[in-house]
Amino acid sequence: MALRRLARSLGSLATALGVAFALPATADAASTARQESALVVEKTVNTPTPFSQGQVVTYTVVASNSEFATPSGTVIVGDQPAGPGLFILNMQGTNWTCGGECIYTGPALEAGADYPPITVTAEVAETAPSEVCNTAFVRTTASSGISDEDTVCSPVTQSPPADPAELSIAKSHSGTFSQGGTGTYTLTVSNASGAGPTEGTVTVTDTLPAGVTYNNATGNGWTCSQAAGTVTCTRSDELDPGESYPPITLTVNVTSGAACGFTNSATVSGGGSQSDTASDATAVGGGTCNGGNGGNGGNGGGGSILPISLSGLVPMFNNIAVNNNIDSPGATNTTNQDFAVNGS
């Protein structure tokens, strides 16, 4: 601050006396360009460098009156990024009213005096480049040009890319599925040990096979819906490596015309992971499955295991036919007999 203030002071004095002074070689270009400025600003970094991506950092900004010039009107100080990777969070200081900029509300200062310091808090972006810069400035009114500015650049340590999540899904069913009944599947999403945490939305989809319709889908933390036979469940909370989300319970209706066996598949995607699919082969009983009315013989719960035709085996009869004569357990015996004596 002393050197910058001295540059302004010499410039102001030279202007008043009509004398030209050569500024020290170390004075910066901004100082040279605004020798006669009434206000000076200087910015320092409080947080040790290099910064880290995602870190919150602070700066101190001090505005001063030049030695031989007294500012008039309002004094305004601001700070803004001078490139990508840095976000200004807030500014505050005694006798300053701060929003996007800080307006001085305290008593007037003597020439050469410093205004109360302003603390600037900023955040380094997670994707910040190897250097971030920001510029503090001071001016006398909202409509006036900048009286002075000071830009500070700081190095940023680049973090190695995080390991991606590695999601998998497991699918199973419980109990026996029957035609005309309901069935339950359980879907569980896990993240592999040694992988990274999930980022963003994780989505589970399950397209129901023919003969199966949606009944309900629930799971702690999951938001589930169904459209055109496809069940979709989503969530956005982070899943750490080696952990699993709460399971999804999917209840389905099995139609009376469903096949006696089908395979149901579910897929997990998103979260920064490659997708994964799991399938579950499901057998169906009841109705026309497992020896029902679709089998040979009987009109009940079992099928005939020995249909017999005795036609021509007994000479005395022209025709003897017995159908479904010996039935499996649970079947009802139904016979159809036609006795005709030879020659009659």
Protein backbone atom coordinates (compact mmCIF):
# COMPACT_ATOMS: atom_id res chain seq x y z
CA MET A 1 0.00 0.00 0.00
CA ALA A 2 2.80 2.43 0.85
CA LEU A 3 4.31 2.28 -2.64
CA ARG A 4 0.99 2.66 -4.40
CA ARG A 5 0.01 5.53 -2.11
CA LEU A 6 3.40 7.21 -2.64
CA ALA A 7 2.92 6.99 -6.40
CA ARG A 8 -0.46 8.73 -6.15
CA SER A 9 0.90 11.32 -3.73
CA LEU A 10 3.83 12.24 -5.97
CA GLY A 11 1.55 12.45 -8.95
CA SER A 12 -0.90 14.70 -7.13
CA LEU A 13 1.90 16.93 -5.87
CA ALA A 14 3.43 17.15 -9.33
CA THR A 15 0.11 18.17 -10.76
CA ALA A 16 -0.30 20.89 -8.14
CA LEU A 17 3.23 22.29 -8.61
CA GLY A 18 3.51 21.76 -12.35
CA VAL A 19 6.56 19.53 -11.83
CA ALA A 20 7.12 16.18 -13.49
CA PHE A 21 8.39 13.36 -11.27
CA ALA A 22 9.74 10.06 -12.49
CA LEU A 23 8.00 7.27 -10.60
CA PRO A 24 10.02 4.38 -9.14
CA ALA A 25 10.54 1.54 -11.61
CA THR A 26 8.61 -0.76 -9.30
CA ALA A 27 5.37 1.22 -9.47
CA ASP A 28 2.83 -0.71 -11.49
CA ALA A 29 1.17 0.41 -14.71
CA ALA A 30 -2.13 1.11 -12.97
CA SER A 31 -0.38 3.43 -10.55
CA THR A 32 1.31 5.31 -13.40
CA ALA A 33 -1.92 5.65 -15.37
CA ARG A 34 -3.80 7.17 -12.42
CA GLN A 35 -1.19 9.36 -10.72
CA GLU A 36 -3.66 12.08 -9.96
CA SER A 37 -6.36 9.74 -8.57
CA ALA A 38 -7.87 10.83 -5.28
CA LEU A 39 -8.49 7.23 -4.17
CA VAL A 40 -6.16 4.25 -3.97
CA VAL A 41 -7.12 0.57 -3.42
CA GLU A 42 -4.91 -2.35 -2.48
CA LYS A 43 -5.78 -6.00 -2.14
CA THR A 44 -4.01 -8.77 -0.21
CA VAL A 45 -4.65 -12.50 0.10
CA ASN A 46 -5.35 -13.82 3.60
CA THR A 47 -5.56 -17.53 2.75
CA PRO A 48 -2.23 -19.32 2.20
CA THR A 49 -1.56 -20.31 -1.37
CA PRO A 50 -1.76 -22.42 -3.40
CA PHE A 51 -5.53 -22.64 -3.11
CA SER A 52 -7.38 -25.96 -3.45
CA GLN A 53 -10.31 -26.60 -5.72
CA GLY A 54 -13.52 -26.18 -3.74
CA GLN A 55 -11.80 -24.12 -0.99
CA VAL A 56 -13.29 -20.98 0.59
CA VAL A 57 -10.70 -18.16 0.70
CA THR A 58 -10.55 -14.57 1.98
CA TYR A 59 -8.94 -11.31 0.87
CA THR A 60 -8.52 -7.92 2.53
CA VAL A 61 -9.27 -4.81 0.48
CA VAL A 62 -8.19 -1.36 1.75
CA ALA A 63 -9.13 1.94 0.09
CA SER A 64 -7.15 5.11 0.96
CA ASN A 65 -7.14 8.83 0.31
CA SER A 66 -4.11 10.09 -1.59
CA GLU A 67 -1.79 12.33 0.38
CA PHE A 68 -2.58 15.51 -1.56
CA ALA A 69 -6.13 14.85 -2.75
CA THR A 70 -9.36 14.75 -0.79
CA PRO A 71 -12.16 12.66 -2.36
CA SER A 72 -15.64 14.05 -2.43
CA GLY A 73 -19.00 12.34 -2.49
CA THR A 74 -19.62 8.63 -2.04
CA VAL A 75 -16.79 6.10 -1.86
CA ILE A 76 -17.60 2.70 -3.41
CA VAL A 77 -15.43 -0.42 -3.30
CA GLY A 78 -16.12 -3.60 -5.27
CA ASP A 79 -14.48 -6.90 -6.10
CA GLN A 80 -15.11 -9.16 -9.06
CA PRO A 81 -13.50 -12.25 -10.61
CA ALA A 82 -11.01 -11.59 -13.38
CA GLY A 83 -11.38 -14.97 -15.05
CA PRO A 84 -13.02 -18.36 -14.42
CA GLY A 85 -12.87 -20.50 -11.31
CA LEU A 86 -13.64 -17.99 -8.52
CA PHE A 87 -16.98 -16.88 -7.02
CA ILE A 88 -17.35 -13.88 -4.69
CA LEU A 89 -19.55 -14.94 -1.76
CA ASN A 90 -19.72 -11.77 0.35
CA MET A 91 -17.98 -8.54 1.41
CA GLN A 92 -18.14 -6.87 4.81
CA GLY A 93 -16.38 -4.14 6.82
CA THR A 94 -16.96 -1.55 9.56
CA ASN A 95 -18.85 1.53 8.29
CA TRP A 96 -19.41 -0.19 4.95
CA THR A 97 -22.82 -1.21 3.62
CA CYS A 98 -22.17 -4.14 1.31
CA GLY A 99 -24.21 -5.92 -1.31
CA GLY A 100 -22.76 -6.41 -4.74
CA GLU A 101 -20.48 -3.50 -3.82
CA CYS A 102 -19.60 -1.74 -0.55
CA ILE A 103 -20.61 1.90 0.08
CA TYR A 104 -18.78 3.84 2.80
CA THR A 105 -21.13 5.31 5.44
CA GLY A 106 -18.64 6.50 8.06
CA PRO A 107 -17.11 9.91 8.77
CA ALA A 108 -14.95 11.74 6.23
CA LEU A 109 -11.24 10.91 6.27
CA GLU A 110 -8.14 13.07 6.25
CA ALA A 111 -5.94 13.04 3.17
CA GLY A 112 -3.64 10.03 3.19
CA ALA A 113 -5.87 8.07 5.62
CA ASP A 114 -7.12 4.52 5.11
CA TYR A 115 -10.77 3.57 5.06
CA PRO A 116 -11.73 0.60 7.30
CA PRO A 117 -10.63 -2.69 5.68
CA ILE A 118 -13.13 -4.87 3.81
CA THR A 119 -13.00 -8.65 4.04
CA VAL A 120 -13.89 -10.41 0.79
CA THR A 121 -14.90 -14.09 1.00
CA ALA A 122 -14.74 -16.16 -2.19
CA GLU A 123 -15.01 -19.80 -3.22
CA VAL A 124 -12.64 -21.58 -5.56
CA ALA A 125 -14.64 -23.69 -8.01
CA GLU A 126 -14.30 -27.48 -8.00
CA THR A 127 -13.19 -27.17 -11.63
CA ALA A 128 -10.99 -24.09 -11.17
CA PRO A 129 -7.93 -23.75 -13.46
CA SER A 130 -4.36 -23.61 -12.18
CA GLU A 131 -4.69 -19.90 -11.38
CA VAL A 132 -7.60 -17.70 -10.26
CA CYS A 133 -7.65 -13.90 -10.32
CA ASN A 134 -9.94 -11.19 -8.98
CA THR A 135 -9.89 -7.42 -9.08
CA ALA A 136 -10.76 -4.89 -6.37
CA PHE A 137 -11.72 -1.39 -7.47
CA VAL A 138 -12.70 1.94 -5.92
CA ARG A 139 -14.66 4.88 -7.33
CA THR A 140 -16.34 7.99 -5.99
CA THR A 141 -19.91 7.47 -7.21
CA ALA A 142 -21.96 4.75 -8.82
CA SER A 143 -21.82 6.56 -12.17
CA SER A 144 -18.19 7.63 -12.09
CA GLY A 145 -15.28 5.79 -13.62
CA ILE A 146 -12.94 3.61 -11.58
CA SER A 147 -10.41 5.65 -9.62
CA ASP A 148 -8.08 2.72 -8.94
CA GLU A 149 -8.03 -1.07 -9.09
CA ASP A 150 -5.80 -3.91 -7.93
CA THR A 151 -5.79 -7.44 -9.38
CA VAL A 152 -4.47 -10.43 -7.43
CA CYS A 153 -3.84 -13.86 -8.97
CA SER A 154 -3.27 -17.01 -6.90
CA PRO A 155 -2.17 -20.52 -7.90
CA VAL A 156 -4.58 -23.43 -7.48
CA THR A 157 -3.60 -27.04 -6.86
CA GLN A 158 -5.33 -29.31 -9.36
CA SER A 159 -7.07 -32.26 -7.72
CA PRO A 160 -6.75 -35.64 -9.44
CA PRO A 161 -9.96 -36.84 -11.08
CA ALA A 162 -12.18 -38.64 -8.62
CA ASP A 163 -12.80 -42.35 -9.13
CA PRO A 164 -16.26 -42.88 -10.67
CA ALA A 165 -19.01 -44.76 -8.91
CA GLU A 166 -19.48 -48.43 -9.85
CA LEU A 167 -23.14 -49.34 -9.40
CA SER A 168 -24.67 -52.80 -9.60
CA ILE A 169 -28.23 -54.03 -9.18
CA ALA A 170 -29.55 -57.29 -7.70
CA LYS A 171 -33.05 -58.59 -8.44
CA SER A 172 -34.98 -61.43 -6.78
CA HIS A 173 -38.54 -62.52 -6.16
CA SER A 174 -40.25 -64.00 -3.14
CA GLY A 175 -42.98 -66.60 -2.84
CA THR A 176 -44.78 -68.39 -5.68
CA PHE A 177 -46.30 -66.49 -8.58
CA SER A 178 -49.68 -67.82 -9.75
CA GLN A 179 -51.88 -66.97 -12.69
CA GLY A 180 -54.47 -64.45 -11.50
CA GLY A 181 -52.41 -63.57 -8.41
CA THR A 182 -49.70 -61.11 -7.41
CA GLY A 183 -45.94 -61.39 -6.98
CA THR A 184 -43.16 -59.36 -5.34
CA TYR A 185 -39.68 -58.47 -6.59
CA THR A 186 -36.86 -56.89 -4.58
CA LEU A 187 -34.34 -54.62 -6.35
CA THR A 188 -31.17 -53.50 -4.54
CA VAL A 189 -28.60 -50.99 -5.86
CA SER A 190 -25.03 -51.13 -4.48
CA ASN A 191 -21.78 -49.23 -5.03
CA ALA A 192 -18.56 -51.23 -5.24
CA SER A 193 -15.85 -50.93 -2.60
CA GLY A 194 -12.93 -48.87 -3.87
CA ALA A 195 -15.13 -46.91 -6.31
CA GLY A 196 -16.04 -43.24 -5.97
CA PRO A 197 -19.31 -41.91 -4.52
CA THR A 198 -22.27 -41.37 -6.80
CA GLU A 199 -22.89 -37.96 -8.35
CA GLY A 200 -26.28 -36.79 -9.56
CA THR A 201 -29.42 -38.80 -10.17
CA VAL A 202 -29.50 -42.60 -9.98
CA THR A 203 -32.28 -44.28 -12.01
CA VAL A 204 -33.67 -47.81 -11.84
CA THR A 205 -35.92 -49.01 -14.68
CA ASP A 206 -37.87 -52.26 -14.94
CA THR A 207 -39.86 -53.10 -18.09
CA LEU A 208 -42.44 -55.69 -17.13
CA PRO A 209 -42.77 -58.79 -19.35
CA ALA A 210 -45.97 -59.85 -21.10
CA GLY A 211 -48.60 -61.20 -18.75
CA VAL A 212 -47.42 -58.99 -15.87
CA THR A 213 -48.87 -55.59 -14.93
CA TYR A 214 -47.80 -52.94 -12.41
CA ASN A 215 -49.28 -52.93 -8.92
CA ASN A 216 -46.97 -50.84 -6.69
CA ALA A 217 -43.32 -49.83 -6.14
CA THR A 218 -41.87 -48.37 -2.95
CA GLY A 219 -38.48 -47.86 -1.32
CA ASN A 220 -37.14 -45.52 1.35
CA GLY A 221 -35.75 -42.45 -0.44
CA TRP A 222 -36.88 -43.61 -3.88
CA THR A 223 -39.43 -41.81 -6.07
CA CYS A 224 -41.20 -44.37 -8.26
CA SER A 225 -43.64 -44.14 -11.16
CA GLN A 226 -44.95 -46.33 -13.98
CA ALA A 227 -45.81 -45.64 -17.61
CA ALA A 228 -46.65 -48.07 -20.41
CA GLY A 229 -45.41 -51.05 -18.43
CA THR A 230 -42.04 -49.52 -17.49
CA VAL A 231 -41.39 -48.85 -13.81
CA THR A 232 -38.94 -46.00 -13.04
CA CYS A 233 -37.45 -45.16 -9.61
CA THR A 234 -35.00 -42.29 -9.00
CA ARG A 235 -32.98 -40.64 -6.20
CA SER A 236 -30.12 -38.12 -6.04
CA ASP A 237 -28.48 -38.59 -2.63
CA GLU A 238 -24.84 -39.69 -2.60
CA LEU A 239 -24.05 -43.39 -2.22
CA ASP A 240 -20.63 -44.08 -0.72
CA PRO A 241 -18.37 -46.94 -1.87
CA GLY A 242 -19.26 -50.31 -0.35
CA GLU A 243 -22.79 -49.17 0.56
CA SER A 244 -26.28 -49.98 -0.76
CA TYR A 245 -29.41 -47.91 -1.13
CA PRO A 246 -32.57 -49.09 0.67
CA PRO A 247 -34.21 -51.79 -1.49
CA ILE A 248 -37.11 -51.20 -3.85
CA THR A 249 -40.11 -53.48 -3.40
CA LEU A 250 -41.97 -53.99 -6.70
CA THR A 251 -45.38 -55.70 -6.56
CA VAL A 252 -46.90 -56.97 -9.83
CA ASN A 253 -50.15 -58.52 -10.97
CA VAL A 254 -49.89 -61.85 -12.82
CA THR A 255 -52.66 -62.13 -15.40
CA SER A 256 -54.74 -65.28 -15.83
CA GLY A 257 -53.23 -65.73 -19.28
CA ALA A 258 -49.61 -65.25 -18.22
CA ALA A 259 -47.02 -67.73 -19.42
CA CYS A 260 -45.95 -70.46 -17.02
CA GLY A 261 -42.51 -68.88 -16.81
CA PHE A 262 -40.91 -65.56 -17.76
CA THR A 263 -37.81 -63.47 -17.07
CA ASN A 264 -37.97 -59.98 -15.57
CA SER A 265 -34.98 -57.60 -15.90
CA ALA A 266 -34.08 -54.31 -14.19
CA THR A 267 -31.34 -51.77 -14.99
CA VAL A 268 -29.57 -49.12 -12.88
CA SER A 269 -27.96 -46.09 -14.54
CA GLY A 270 -26.68 -42.61 -13.71
CA GLY A 271 -24.80 -41.46 -10.63
CA GLY A 272 -21.59 -41.18 -12.64
CA SER A 273 -21.48 -44.95 -13.14
CA GLN A 274 -21.86 -47.27 -16.08
CA SER A 275 -25.22 -49.03 -16.17
CA ASP A 276 -25.83 -52.56 -14.87
CA THR A 277 -28.66 -55.03 -15.49
CA ALA A 278 -29.95 -57.96 -13.42
CA SER A 279 -32.53 -60.59 -14.42
CA ASP A 280 -34.76 -62.92 -12.46
CA ALA A 281 -36.32 -66.10 -13.98
CA THR A 282 -39.77 -66.59 -12.49
CA ALA A 283 -41.93 -69.73 -12.60
CA VAL A 284 -45.72 -69.43 -12.53
CA GLY A 285 -48.17 -71.98 -11.12
CA GLY A 286 -51.92 -72.39 -10.95
CA GLY A 287 -54.46 -72.04 -13.73
CA THR A 288 -53.26 -73.75 -16.89
CA CYS A 289 -49.76 -74.27 -15.46
CA ASN A 290 -48.45 -77.38 -13.64
CA GLY A 291 -51.01 -80.03 -14.74
CA GLY A 292 -54.21 -78.04 -14.89
CA ASN A 293 -57.03 -78.30 -17.45
CA GLY A 294 -54.56 -78.13 -20.28
CA GLY A 295 -53.30 -81.70 -19.63
CA ASN A 296 -54.57 -85.08 -20.92
CA GLY A 297 -57.66 -86.42 -19.23
CA GLY A 298 -59.52 -85.51 -16.14
CA ASN A 299 -61.56 -82.43 -15.58
CA GLY A 300 -59.98 -81.48 -12.29
CA GLY A 301 -56.62 -80.85 -10.75
CA GLY A 302 -54.64 -83.70 -12.36
CA GLY A 303 -54.20 -85.44 -15.70
CA SER A 304 -54.68 -89.06 -16.72
CA ILE A 305 -51.52 -91.11 -16.64
CA LEU A 306 -52.94 -94.21 -18.43
CA PRO A 307 -55.67 -93.71 -21.05
CA ILE A 308 -56.85 -97.15 -22.25
CA SER A 309 -58.53 -98.39 -25.42
CA LEU A 310 -59.74 -102.01 -25.35
CA SER A 311 -61.38 -102.04 -28.78
CA GLY A 312 -61.03 -105.46 -30.48
CA LEU A 313 -59.25 -107.05 -27.47
CA VAL A 314 -62.40 -108.87 -26.18
CA PRO A 315 -64.03 -110.98 -28.96
CA MET A 316 -67.49 -110.72 -27.52
CA PHE A 317 -67.69 -106.98 -28.02
CA ASN A 318 -67.43 -105.06 -31.20
CA ASN A 319 -66.03 -101.98 -29.46
CA ILE A 320 -65.01 -101.08 -25.95
CA ALA A 321 -63.48 -97.63 -25.44
CA VAL A 322 -62.55 -96.23 -22.04
CA ASN A 323 -60.96 -92.79 -21.92
CA ASN A 324 -59.15 -91.27 -18.93
CA ASN A 325 -59.63 -94.49 -16.98
CA ILE A 326 -56.72 -94.10 -14.53
CA ASP A 327 -56.22 -90.57 -13.27
CA SER A 328 -53.44 -88.81 -11.42
CA PRO A 329 -54.18 -87.72 -7.85
CA GLY A 330 -56.73 -84.99 -7.63
CA ALA A 331 -58.38 -85.72 -10.99
CA THR A 332 -61.99 -86.67 -11.52
CA ASN A 333 -62.53 -89.95 -13.41
CA THR A 334 -64.54 -89.41 -16.56
CA THR A 335 -65.30 -92.41 -18.79
CA ASN A 336 -66.89 -92.81 -22.16
CA GLN A 337 -67.90 -96.43 -22.85
CA ASP A 338 -69.55 -97.98 -25.89
CA PHE A 339 -70.35 -101.70 -25.66
CA ALA A 340 -71.53 -103.55 -28.75
CA VAL A 341 -71.83 -107.36 -29.01
CA ASN A 342 -70.24 -108.98 -32.07
CA GLY A 343 -72.77 -109.63 -34.78
CA SER A 344 -75.39 -107.41 -33.25
